[in-house]
C-alpha cells in the first residue's frame, strides 16, 4: 500500500500544480477581452473547493462513513477517476487554446468551439474537474468524505456554468443558443 500513497501524492501534486499554473497563466487581461462577467472569478470556486477538500480529507480519518468492503478497489477506482478527469480537463483546455481562461471573460473575436469534446458537451473542462473531484471523494475511502467534497463543488460548478453561459449567450447570441440546443452541459446525451 505505500506505493499507492506515493501515487496519490504524485497525482495530487500534479493536479494542484496544474490548477495553480492555470490560475497564474490563464487569467484574462482586461485589454484582450471584450467583457468580463461578474461572479466569474476563480475565487468563488476556490472558496468552495478548498474548505470542502480540507474537511473531506479530515473526515476520511473518521469511522463514520469508512468504507470497509471492497475498499482497495474503491480507492483505486477513485484514483483512476482523478486521472481520467485531469486528462479530460487538459484535452478540453488544449482544444480551446486561447479562449480558455480561469475567469469568465469573452474574447473580442470569440468563437464557439464545436470540435473534439465540445461536439457533445459545452463544458468538458468543468466535466473533467468534476470527474476528478468525484474520484477524490471515493479515493478517500469514506462515503461522508465523498458527500462533503463532491456535492458542494458540483453546485459551485453549476453556478459557474450558469454565469458563463449567460455571458456567452449575451456576447455570441444565436450562434451560442443553437450550440446549446445541440449539446448537453456536462454529460453527453444526459445533462
N, C-alpha and C. Protein backbone atom coordinates (compact mmCIF):
# COMPACT_ATOMS: atom_id res chain seq x y z
N UNK A 1 0.80 -1.21 0.00
CA UNK A 1 0.00 0.00 0.00
C UNK A 1 0.85 1.28 0.00
N UNK A 2 2.11 1.27 0.48
CA UNK A 2 2.91 2.51 0.44
C UNK A 2 3.05 3.07 -0.97
N UNK A 3 3.19 2.21 -1.98
CA UNK A 3 3.31 2.71 -3.35
C UNK A 3 2.01 3.40 -3.78
N UNK A 4 0.87 2.93 -3.27
CA UNK A 4 -0.40 3.58 -3.58
C UNK A 4 -0.41 5.00 -3.04
N UNK A 5 0.02 5.19 -1.79
CA UNK A 5 0.02 6.52 -1.20
C UNK A 5 0.98 7.45 -1.94
N UNK A 6 2.10 6.92 -2.38
CA UNK A 6 3.04 7.72 -3.18
C UNK A 6 2.38 8.15 -4.49
N UNK A 7 1.65 7.23 -5.11
CA UNK A 7 0.94 7.55 -6.35
C UNK A 7 -0.13 8.62 -6.10
N UNK A 8 -0.84 8.52 -5.00
CA UNK A 8 -1.85 9.53 -4.65
C UNK A 8 -1.19 10.90 -4.47
N UNK A 9 -0.05 10.93 -3.80
CA UNK A 9 0.66 12.18 -3.57
C UNK A 9 1.13 12.78 -4.91
N UNK A 10 1.65 11.94 -5.79
CA UNK A 10 2.13 12.42 -7.10
C UNK A 10 0.97 12.96 -7.93
N UNK A 11 -0.11 12.19 -8.01
CA UNK A 11 -1.28 12.63 -8.79
C UNK A 11 -1.85 13.92 -8.20
N UNK A 12 -1.96 13.99 -6.88
CA UNK A 12 -2.48 15.20 -6.23
C UNK A 12 -1.59 16.40 -6.50
N UNK A 13 -0.29 16.19 -6.45
CA UNK A 13 0.65 17.29 -6.71
C UNK A 13 0.52 17.79 -8.15
N UNK A 14 0.42 16.87 -9.10
CA UNK A 14 0.25 17.26 -10.50
C UNK A 14 -1.05 18.03 -10.66
N UNK A 15 -2.11 17.55 -10.03
CA UNK A 15 -3.42 18.20 -10.11
C UNK A 15 -3.35 19.62 -9.55
N UNK A 16 -2.82 19.75 -8.34
CA UNK A 16 -2.73 21.06 -7.68
C UNK A 16 -1.85 22.02 -8.48
N UNK A 17 -0.67 21.54 -8.89
CA UNK A 17 0.25 22.40 -9.63
C UNK A 17 -0.34 22.83 -10.98
N UNK A 18 -1.07 21.93 -11.64
CA UNK A 18 -1.67 22.31 -12.92
C UNK A 18 -2.74 23.37 -12.72
N UNK A 19 -3.51 23.27 -11.65
CA UNK A 19 -4.55 24.28 -11.39
C UNK A 19 -3.93 25.62 -10.98
N UNK A 20 -2.90 25.58 -10.18
CA UNK A 20 -2.21 26.82 -9.80
C UNK A 20 -1.60 27.45 -11.04
N UNK A 21 -1.00 26.64 -11.89
CA UNK A 21 -0.43 27.14 -13.14
C UNK A 21 -1.48 27.80 -14.02
N UNK A 22 -2.66 27.19 -14.10
CA UNK A 22 -3.74 27.78 -14.89
C UNK A 22 -4.16 29.13 -14.32
N UNK A 23 -4.27 29.21 -12.99
CA UNK A 23 -4.67 30.48 -12.36
C UNK A 23 -3.64 31.57 -12.67
N UNK A 24 -2.37 31.21 -12.68
CA UNK A 24 -1.32 32.19 -12.95
C UNK A 24 -1.24 32.55 -14.44
N UNK A 25 -1.31 31.54 -15.29
CA UNK A 25 -1.04 31.75 -16.72
C UNK A 25 -2.27 32.04 -17.57
N UNK A 26 -3.45 31.65 -17.13
CA UNK A 26 -4.62 31.75 -17.99
C UNK A 26 -5.70 32.69 -17.45
N UNK A 27 -5.28 33.70 -16.73
CA UNK A 27 -6.21 34.74 -16.28
C UNK A 27 -6.31 35.75 -17.42
N UNK A 28 -7.52 36.18 -17.69
CA UNK A 28 -7.70 37.11 -18.80
C UNK A 28 -7.14 38.48 -18.45
N UNK A 29 -6.66 39.17 -19.48
CA UNK A 29 -6.24 40.55 -19.28
C UNK A 29 -7.37 41.45 -19.74
N UNK A 30 -7.57 42.53 -19.05
CA UNK A 30 -8.70 43.41 -19.37
C UNK A 30 -8.57 44.03 -20.76
N UNK A 31 -7.38 44.09 -21.31
CA UNK A 31 -7.21 44.71 -22.63
C UNK A 31 -7.53 43.74 -23.76
N UNK A 32 -7.43 42.44 -23.51
CA UNK A 32 -7.63 41.45 -24.57
C UNK A 32 -9.08 41.03 -24.75
N UNK A 33 -9.90 41.32 -23.78
CA UNK A 33 -11.24 40.77 -23.78
C UNK A 33 -12.29 41.86 -23.85
N UNK A 34 -13.40 41.54 -24.50
CA UNK A 34 -14.48 42.50 -24.64
C UNK A 34 -15.25 42.63 -23.33
N UNK A 35 -15.52 41.52 -22.66
CA UNK A 35 -16.31 41.58 -21.43
C UNK A 35 -15.77 40.61 -20.39
N UNK A 36 -15.93 41.01 -19.15
CA UNK A 36 -15.68 40.15 -18.01
C UNK A 36 -17.01 39.99 -17.30
N UNK A 37 -17.33 38.80 -16.88
CA UNK A 37 -18.62 38.54 -16.26
C UNK A 37 -18.50 38.61 -14.75
N UNK A 38 -19.38 39.40 -14.13
CA UNK A 38 -19.41 39.49 -12.67
C UNK A 38 -19.71 38.11 -12.09
N UNK A 39 -18.96 37.75 -11.06
CA UNK A 39 -19.13 36.43 -10.44
C UNK A 39 -18.34 35.34 -11.14
N UNK A 40 -17.58 35.71 -12.18
CA UNK A 40 -16.85 34.73 -12.96
C UNK A 40 -15.41 34.52 -12.52
N UNK A 41 -15.05 35.07 -11.39
CA UNK A 41 -13.70 34.91 -10.88
C UNK A 41 -13.48 33.49 -10.37
N UNK A 42 -12.27 32.96 -10.53
CA UNK A 42 -12.00 31.62 -9.98
C UNK A 42 -12.07 31.61 -8.45
N UNK A 43 -11.97 32.79 -7.85
CA UNK A 43 -12.01 32.89 -6.38
C UNK A 43 -13.28 32.26 -5.81
N UNK A 44 -14.41 32.49 -6.47
CA UNK A 44 -15.67 31.95 -5.96
C UNK A 44 -15.67 30.42 -5.95
N UNK A 45 -15.01 29.80 -6.92
CA UNK A 45 -14.89 28.34 -6.91
C UNK A 45 -13.93 27.88 -5.82
N UNK A 46 -12.80 28.54 -5.70
CA UNK A 46 -11.81 28.13 -4.71
C UNK A 46 -12.32 28.29 -3.28
N UNK A 47 -13.21 29.25 -3.06
CA UNK A 47 -13.79 29.43 -1.71
C UNK A 47 -14.67 28.25 -1.31
N UNK A 48 -15.12 27.48 -2.27
CA UNK A 48 -15.87 26.25 -2.00
C UNK A 48 -14.92 25.04 -2.01
N UNK A 49 -14.07 24.97 -3.02
CA UNK A 49 -13.21 23.80 -3.21
C UNK A 49 -12.28 23.56 -2.03
N UNK A 50 -11.56 24.58 -1.61
CA UNK A 50 -10.54 24.39 -0.56
C UNK A 50 -11.15 23.90 0.76
N UNK A 51 -12.21 24.55 1.28
CA UNK A 51 -12.78 24.02 2.54
C UNK A 51 -13.39 22.63 2.38
N UNK A 52 -14.02 22.36 1.23
CA UNK A 52 -14.63 21.04 1.04
C UNK A 52 -13.57 19.94 1.02
N UNK A 53 -12.47 20.18 0.33
CA UNK A 53 -11.40 19.18 0.29
C UNK A 53 -10.77 19.04 1.67
N UNK A 54 -10.51 20.15 2.34
CA UNK A 54 -9.90 20.10 3.67
C UNK A 54 -10.77 19.31 4.64
N UNK A 55 -12.05 19.63 4.69
CA UNK A 55 -12.96 18.93 5.60
C UNK A 55 -13.12 17.47 5.16
N UNK A 56 -13.23 17.24 3.84
CA UNK A 56 -13.38 15.88 3.34
C UNK A 56 -12.19 15.00 3.66
N UNK A 57 -10.99 15.53 3.50
CA UNK A 57 -9.78 14.76 3.84
C UNK A 57 -9.74 14.50 5.34
N UNK A 58 -10.01 15.51 6.14
CA UNK A 58 -10.05 15.31 7.59
C UNK A 58 -11.07 14.24 7.95
N UNK A 59 -12.26 14.31 7.36
CA UNK A 59 -13.31 13.37 7.69
C UNK A 59 -12.95 11.94 7.29
N UNK A 60 -12.11 11.78 6.28
CA UNK A 60 -11.77 10.43 5.81
C UNK A 60 -11.06 9.61 6.88
N UNK A 61 -10.54 10.27 7.92
CA UNK A 61 -9.88 9.55 9.01
C UNK A 61 -10.85 9.16 10.12
N UNK A 62 -12.12 9.54 9.97
CA UNK A 62 -13.13 9.22 10.97
C UNK A 62 -13.76 7.87 10.66
N UNK A 63 -14.38 7.27 11.66
CA UNK A 63 -15.01 5.97 11.45
C UNK A 63 -16.36 6.07 10.75
N UNK A 64 -17.09 7.16 10.98
CA UNK A 64 -18.38 7.31 10.32
C UNK A 64 -18.17 7.50 8.83
N UNK A 65 -18.73 6.60 8.06
CA UNK A 65 -18.60 6.67 6.61
C UNK A 65 -17.46 5.84 6.05
N UNK A 66 -16.64 5.29 6.92
CA UNK A 66 -15.50 4.49 6.49
C UNK A 66 -15.98 3.30 5.67
N UNK A 67 -15.43 3.11 4.49
CA UNK A 67 -15.82 2.01 3.62
C UNK A 67 -14.91 0.83 3.87
N UNK A 68 -15.50 -0.28 4.34
CA UNK A 68 -14.70 -1.48 4.66
C UNK A 68 -14.67 -2.46 3.50
N UNK A 69 -15.84 -2.75 2.94
CA UNK A 69 -15.89 -3.78 1.89
C UNK A 69 -15.39 -3.21 0.57
N UNK A 70 -14.58 -4.00 -0.09
CA UNK A 70 -14.01 -3.64 -1.40
C UNK A 70 -13.24 -2.32 -1.35
N UNK A 71 -12.73 -1.96 -0.20
CA UNK A 71 -12.03 -0.69 -0.01
C UNK A 71 -10.89 -0.50 -1.01
N UNK A 72 -10.10 -1.53 -1.17
CA UNK A 72 -8.96 -1.47 -2.08
C UNK A 72 -9.41 -1.05 -3.49
N UNK A 73 -10.48 -1.69 -3.98
CA UNK A 73 -10.96 -1.40 -5.34
C UNK A 73 -11.60 -0.02 -5.43
N UNK A 74 -12.31 0.39 -4.40
CA UNK A 74 -12.95 1.70 -4.39
C UNK A 74 -11.90 2.81 -4.42
N UNK A 75 -10.85 2.65 -3.65
CA UNK A 75 -9.79 3.65 -3.60
C UNK A 75 -9.07 3.73 -4.95
N UNK A 76 -8.75 2.59 -5.55
CA UNK A 76 -8.10 2.59 -6.86
C UNK A 76 -9.03 3.15 -7.94
N UNK A 77 -10.33 2.84 -7.84
CA UNK A 77 -11.31 3.39 -8.76
C UNK A 77 -11.32 4.92 -8.65
N UNK A 78 -11.31 5.42 -7.43
CA UNK A 78 -11.27 6.87 -7.20
C UNK A 78 -10.04 7.50 -7.81
N UNK A 79 -8.89 6.89 -7.60
CA UNK A 79 -7.65 7.42 -8.16
C UNK A 79 -7.69 7.42 -9.69
N UNK A 80 -8.23 6.35 -10.28
CA UNK A 80 -8.36 6.29 -11.74
C UNK A 80 -9.27 7.41 -12.24
N UNK A 81 -10.34 7.72 -11.51
CA UNK A 81 -11.23 8.81 -11.91
C UNK A 81 -10.55 10.17 -11.82
N UNK A 82 -9.71 10.35 -10.80
CA UNK A 82 -8.96 11.61 -10.70
C UNK A 82 -8.11 11.79 -11.96
N UNK A 83 -7.40 10.76 -12.35
CA UNK A 83 -6.53 10.83 -13.52
C UNK A 83 -7.35 11.03 -14.79
N UNK A 84 -8.45 10.29 -14.94
CA UNK A 84 -9.32 10.45 -16.10
C UNK A 84 -9.86 11.89 -16.18
N UNK A 85 -10.28 12.42 -15.05
CA UNK A 85 -10.78 13.79 -15.03
C UNK A 85 -9.74 14.80 -15.44
N UNK A 86 -8.51 14.61 -14.98
CA UNK A 86 -7.42 15.51 -15.38
C UNK A 86 -7.18 15.44 -16.88
N UNK A 87 -7.20 14.24 -17.43
CA UNK A 87 -6.99 14.08 -18.88
C UNK A 87 -8.09 14.79 -19.66
N UNK A 88 -9.34 14.60 -19.24
CA UNK A 88 -10.47 15.26 -19.90
C UNK A 88 -10.30 16.78 -19.83
N UNK A 89 -9.96 17.27 -18.64
CA UNK A 89 -9.80 18.72 -18.47
C UNK A 89 -8.69 19.27 -19.37
N UNK A 90 -7.55 18.61 -19.39
CA UNK A 90 -6.42 19.10 -20.19
C UNK A 90 -6.74 19.05 -21.69
N UNK A 91 -7.43 18.01 -22.13
CA UNK A 91 -7.82 17.94 -23.55
C UNK A 91 -8.76 19.09 -23.88
N UNK A 92 -9.72 19.37 -23.00
CA UNK A 92 -10.66 20.46 -23.23
C UNK A 92 -9.95 21.81 -23.28
N UNK A 93 -9.03 22.02 -22.36
CA UNK A 93 -8.27 23.28 -22.34
C UNK A 93 -7.43 23.42 -23.61
N UNK A 94 -6.79 22.34 -24.01
CA UNK A 94 -5.98 22.37 -25.23
C UNK A 94 -6.85 22.67 -26.45
N UNK A 95 -8.05 22.11 -26.49
CA UNK A 95 -8.96 22.35 -27.61
C UNK A 95 -9.35 23.83 -27.69
N UNK A 96 -9.62 24.44 -26.55
CA UNK A 96 -10.00 25.86 -26.54
C UNK A 96 -8.82 26.78 -26.83
N UNK A 97 -7.65 26.36 -26.43
CA UNK A 97 -6.42 27.15 -26.57
C UNK A 97 -6.60 28.57 -26.04
N UNK A 98 -6.53 29.56 -26.90
CA UNK A 98 -6.52 30.95 -26.43
C UNK A 98 -7.85 31.37 -25.80
N UNK A 99 -8.92 30.66 -26.06
CA UNK A 99 -10.21 31.03 -25.49
C UNK A 99 -10.42 30.53 -24.07
N UNK A 100 -9.50 29.73 -23.57
CA UNK A 100 -9.64 29.25 -22.19
C UNK A 100 -9.05 30.27 -21.22
N UNK A 101 -9.84 30.66 -20.25
CA UNK A 101 -9.37 31.50 -19.14
C UNK A 101 -9.96 30.95 -17.86
N UNK A 102 -9.33 31.24 -16.74
CA UNK A 102 -9.85 30.77 -15.46
C UNK A 102 -10.97 31.65 -14.94
N UNK A 103 -11.09 32.84 -15.48
CA UNK A 103 -12.21 33.70 -15.13
C UNK A 103 -13.15 33.76 -16.34
N UNK A 104 -14.38 34.10 -16.11
CA UNK A 104 -15.34 34.16 -17.21
C UNK A 104 -15.15 35.48 -17.95
N UNK A 105 -14.58 35.37 -19.15
CA UNK A 105 -14.31 36.54 -19.98
C UNK A 105 -14.52 36.14 -21.43
N UNK A 106 -15.01 37.07 -22.20
CA UNK A 106 -15.27 36.82 -23.62
C UNK A 106 -14.27 37.60 -24.45
N UNK A 107 -13.57 36.89 -25.32
CA UNK A 107 -12.60 37.47 -26.23
C UNK A 107 -13.30 38.37 -27.24
N UNK A 108 -12.62 39.39 -27.72
CA UNK A 108 -13.22 40.27 -28.73
C UNK A 108 -13.58 39.51 -30.00
N UNK A 109 -12.76 38.52 -30.37
CA UNK A 109 -13.04 37.72 -31.57
C UNK A 109 -13.50 36.31 -31.20
N UNK A 110 -14.19 36.20 -30.09
CA UNK A 110 -14.58 34.90 -29.54
C UNK A 110 -15.40 34.08 -30.54
N UNK A 111 -15.11 32.79 -30.61
CA UNK A 111 -15.84 31.87 -31.47
C UNK A 111 -16.36 30.71 -30.63
N UNK A 112 -17.43 30.09 -31.09
CA UNK A 112 -17.94 28.89 -30.45
C UNK A 112 -17.10 27.72 -30.97
N UNK A 113 -16.45 27.01 -30.08
CA UNK A 113 -15.65 25.85 -30.45
C UNK A 113 -16.56 24.63 -30.40
N UNK A 114 -16.61 23.89 -31.50
CA UNK A 114 -17.51 22.74 -31.60
C UNK A 114 -16.77 21.46 -31.96
N UNK A 115 -15.47 21.44 -31.76
CA UNK A 115 -14.68 20.27 -32.13
C UNK A 115 -14.24 19.51 -30.88
N UNK A 116 -13.75 18.31 -31.11
CA UNK A 116 -13.26 17.49 -30.00
C UNK A 116 -14.37 17.18 -29.00
N UNK A 117 -14.06 17.31 -27.73
CA UNK A 117 -15.04 17.04 -26.68
C UNK A 117 -16.21 18.01 -26.75
N UNK A 118 -15.99 19.18 -27.35
CA UNK A 118 -17.02 20.20 -27.43
C UNK A 118 -18.12 19.87 -28.45
N UNK A 119 -17.97 18.77 -29.20
CA UNK A 119 -19.03 18.35 -30.12
C UNK A 119 -20.28 17.92 -29.36
N UNK A 120 -20.09 17.31 -28.19
CA UNK A 120 -21.24 16.75 -27.49
C UNK A 120 -21.54 17.43 -26.15
N UNK A 121 -20.55 18.05 -25.53
CA UNK A 121 -20.82 18.79 -24.29
C UNK A 121 -20.19 20.17 -24.35
N UNK A 122 -20.85 21.11 -23.67
CA UNK A 122 -20.40 22.50 -23.74
C UNK A 122 -19.28 22.82 -22.76
N UNK A 123 -19.16 22.04 -21.70
CA UNK A 123 -18.19 22.38 -20.65
C UNK A 123 -17.34 21.17 -20.24
N UNK A 124 -16.56 20.62 -21.18
CA UNK A 124 -15.76 19.45 -20.83
C UNK A 124 -14.66 19.72 -19.81
N UNK A 125 -14.15 20.94 -19.76
CA UNK A 125 -13.12 21.23 -18.74
C UNK A 125 -13.74 21.13 -17.35
N UNK A 126 -14.95 21.66 -17.18
CA UNK A 126 -15.65 21.52 -15.90
C UNK A 126 -16.01 20.06 -15.64
N UNK A 127 -16.45 19.37 -16.68
CA UNK A 127 -16.79 17.96 -16.53
C UNK A 127 -15.57 17.17 -16.05
N UNK A 128 -14.42 17.45 -16.64
CA UNK A 128 -13.19 16.77 -16.21
C UNK A 128 -12.87 17.05 -14.75
N UNK A 129 -13.00 18.31 -14.35
CA UNK A 129 -12.76 18.65 -12.95
C UNK A 129 -13.71 17.90 -12.03
N UNK A 130 -14.98 17.85 -12.42
CA UNK A 130 -15.97 17.16 -11.59
C UNK A 130 -15.70 15.66 -11.51
N UNK A 131 -15.24 15.06 -12.60
CA UNK A 131 -14.85 13.64 -12.56
C UNK A 131 -13.71 13.46 -11.56
N UNK A 132 -12.75 14.38 -11.57
CA UNK A 132 -11.63 14.30 -10.62
C UNK A 132 -12.10 14.45 -9.18
N UNK A 133 -12.99 15.40 -8.91
CA UNK A 133 -13.50 15.58 -7.55
C UNK A 133 -14.34 14.38 -7.12
N UNK A 134 -15.10 13.82 -8.04
CA UNK A 134 -15.87 12.60 -7.77
C UNK A 134 -14.90 11.49 -7.37
N UNK A 135 -13.82 11.36 -8.14
CA UNK A 135 -12.81 10.35 -7.84
C UNK A 135 -12.11 10.59 -6.51
N UNK A 136 -11.81 11.85 -6.22
CA UNK A 136 -11.17 12.17 -4.95
C UNK A 136 -12.04 11.74 -3.78
N UNK A 137 -13.33 12.00 -3.89
CA UNK A 137 -14.25 11.59 -2.83
C UNK A 137 -14.17 10.10 -2.56
N UNK A 138 -14.13 9.30 -3.62
CA UNK A 138 -14.04 7.84 -3.44
C UNK A 138 -12.64 7.39 -3.06
N UNK A 139 -11.61 8.06 -3.56
CA UNK A 139 -10.24 7.67 -3.23
C UNK A 139 -9.95 7.78 -1.74
N UNK A 140 -10.71 8.61 -1.04
CA UNK A 140 -10.52 8.75 0.40
C UNK A 140 -11.12 7.59 1.19
N UNK A 141 -11.93 6.77 0.52
CA UNK A 141 -12.45 5.57 1.16
C UNK A 141 -13.48 5.85 2.25
N UNK A 142 -14.22 6.94 2.10
CA UNK A 142 -15.22 7.31 3.11
C UNK A 142 -16.37 8.00 2.40
N UNK A 143 -17.57 7.43 2.51
CA UNK A 143 -18.70 7.99 1.77
C UNK A 143 -19.11 9.37 2.29
N UNK A 144 -18.88 9.66 3.57
CA UNK A 144 -19.17 11.00 4.09
C UNK A 144 -18.21 12.01 3.45
N UNK A 145 -16.95 11.63 3.34
CA UNK A 145 -15.97 12.50 2.66
C UNK A 145 -16.39 12.75 1.22
N UNK A 146 -16.88 11.71 0.57
CA UNK A 146 -17.35 11.85 -0.81
C UNK A 146 -18.45 12.92 -0.89
N UNK A 147 -19.42 12.84 -0.01
CA UNK A 147 -20.54 13.80 0.00
C UNK A 147 -20.03 15.22 0.29
N UNK A 148 -19.15 15.34 1.28
CA UNK A 148 -18.60 16.66 1.66
C UNK A 148 -17.84 17.29 0.50
N UNK A 149 -17.11 16.48 -0.23
CA UNK A 149 -16.29 17.02 -1.33
C UNK A 149 -17.12 17.24 -2.59
N UNK A 150 -17.85 16.24 -3.02
CA UNK A 150 -18.43 16.30 -4.35
C UNK A 150 -19.63 17.24 -4.48
N UNK A 151 -20.60 17.14 -3.63
CA UNK A 151 -21.85 17.87 -3.87
C UNK A 151 -21.72 19.39 -3.76
N UNK A 152 -21.07 19.94 -2.76
CA UNK A 152 -20.91 21.41 -2.77
C UNK A 152 -20.12 21.91 -3.97
N UNK A 153 -19.10 21.15 -4.36
CA UNK A 153 -18.30 21.54 -5.53
C UNK A 153 -19.13 21.42 -6.80
N UNK A 154 -19.95 20.39 -6.92
CA UNK A 154 -20.85 20.25 -8.06
C UNK A 154 -21.76 21.47 -8.17
N UNK A 155 -22.38 21.88 -7.07
CA UNK A 155 -23.28 23.03 -7.09
C UNK A 155 -22.54 24.32 -7.43
N UNK A 156 -21.31 24.46 -6.94
CA UNK A 156 -20.50 25.64 -7.27
C UNK A 156 -20.18 25.67 -8.77
N UNK A 157 -19.88 24.52 -9.35
CA UNK A 157 -19.60 24.46 -10.78
C UNK A 157 -20.85 24.76 -11.60
N UNK A 158 -22.00 24.27 -11.17
CA UNK A 158 -23.25 24.56 -11.89
C UNK A 158 -23.53 26.05 -11.86
N UNK A 159 -23.30 26.69 -10.71
CA UNK A 159 -23.46 28.15 -10.63
C UNK A 159 -22.51 28.84 -11.60
N UNK A 160 -21.27 28.38 -11.64
CA UNK A 160 -20.27 28.97 -12.54
C UNK A 160 -20.66 28.77 -14.01
N UNK A 161 -21.18 27.59 -14.33
CA UNK A 161 -21.63 27.31 -15.70
C UNK A 161 -22.76 28.26 -16.08
N UNK A 162 -23.69 28.50 -15.17
CA UNK A 162 -24.79 29.44 -15.45
C UNK A 162 -24.26 30.83 -15.76
N UNK A 163 -23.28 31.28 -14.98
CA UNK A 163 -22.67 32.60 -15.22
C UNK A 163 -22.00 32.63 -16.59
N UNK A 164 -21.25 31.59 -16.89
CA UNK A 164 -20.53 31.53 -18.16
C UNK A 164 -21.49 31.47 -19.35
N UNK A 165 -22.54 30.68 -19.23
CA UNK A 165 -23.47 30.57 -20.34
C UNK A 165 -24.24 31.88 -20.58
N UNK A 166 -24.57 32.59 -19.51
CA UNK A 166 -25.21 33.90 -19.69
C UNK A 166 -24.28 34.84 -20.45
N UNK A 167 -22.99 34.83 -20.10
CA UNK A 167 -22.02 35.68 -20.79
C UNK A 167 -21.88 35.29 -22.26
N UNK A 168 -21.84 34.00 -22.54
CA UNK A 168 -21.68 33.54 -23.92
C UNK A 168 -22.92 33.84 -24.75
N UNK A 169 -24.10 33.65 -24.19
CA UNK A 169 -25.32 33.99 -24.92
C UNK A 169 -25.38 35.49 -25.16
N UNK A 170 -25.03 36.27 -24.15
CA UNK A 170 -25.05 37.73 -24.28
C UNK A 170 -24.10 38.21 -25.38
N UNK A 171 -22.93 37.60 -25.46
CA UNK A 171 -21.92 38.05 -26.42
C UNK A 171 -22.06 37.41 -27.80
N UNK A 172 -22.40 36.12 -27.83
CA UNK A 172 -22.40 35.39 -29.11
C UNK A 172 -23.80 35.17 -29.68
N UNK A 173 -24.81 35.45 -28.88
CA UNK A 173 -26.18 35.42 -29.36
C UNK A 173 -26.67 34.09 -29.89
N UNK A 174 -27.29 34.15 -31.06
CA UNK A 174 -27.97 32.98 -31.63
C UNK A 174 -27.02 31.83 -31.93
N UNK A 175 -25.79 32.13 -32.27
CA UNK A 175 -24.82 31.05 -32.54
C UNK A 175 -24.63 30.18 -31.30
N UNK A 176 -24.52 30.82 -30.14
CA UNK A 176 -24.34 30.03 -28.92
C UNK A 176 -25.65 29.35 -28.51
N UNK A 177 -26.78 30.01 -28.69
CA UNK A 177 -28.08 29.38 -28.38
C UNK A 177 -28.28 28.11 -29.21
N UNK A 178 -27.91 28.17 -30.48
CA UNK A 178 -28.01 27.00 -31.36
C UNK A 178 -27.09 25.88 -30.86
N UNK A 179 -25.89 26.25 -30.48
CA UNK A 179 -24.94 25.28 -29.92
C UNK A 179 -25.51 24.64 -28.65
N UNK A 180 -26.16 25.45 -27.82
CA UNK A 180 -26.78 24.92 -26.60
C UNK A 180 -27.89 23.91 -26.93
N UNK A 181 -28.64 24.16 -27.97
CA UNK A 181 -29.72 23.23 -28.35
C UNK A 181 -29.18 21.89 -28.82
N UNK A 182 -27.97 21.89 -29.37
CA UNK A 182 -27.41 20.66 -29.95
C UNK A 182 -26.51 19.89 -28.98
N UNK A 183 -26.19 20.47 -27.84
CA UNK A 183 -25.25 19.82 -26.91
C UNK A 183 -25.82 19.80 -25.50
N UNK A 184 -25.18 19.03 -24.66
CA UNK A 184 -25.51 18.99 -23.23
C UNK A 184 -24.42 19.73 -22.48
N UNK A 185 -24.69 20.04 -21.21
CA UNK A 185 -23.72 20.79 -20.41
C UNK A 185 -22.49 19.97 -20.03
N UNK A 186 -22.70 18.84 -19.36
CA UNK A 186 -21.58 18.12 -18.75
C UNK A 186 -21.51 16.64 -19.13
N UNK A 187 -22.65 16.01 -19.36
CA UNK A 187 -22.68 14.57 -19.62
C UNK A 187 -23.35 14.36 -20.98
N UNK A 188 -22.63 13.80 -21.96
CA UNK A 188 -23.21 13.63 -23.29
C UNK A 188 -24.57 12.93 -23.24
N UNK A 189 -25.53 13.50 -23.95
CA UNK A 189 -26.89 12.98 -24.12
C UNK A 189 -27.72 12.90 -22.83
N UNK A 190 -27.17 13.37 -21.72
CA UNK A 190 -27.90 13.29 -20.45
C UNK A 190 -28.13 14.67 -19.84
N UNK A 191 -27.06 15.38 -19.53
CA UNK A 191 -27.18 16.70 -18.88
C UNK A 191 -26.09 17.62 -19.38
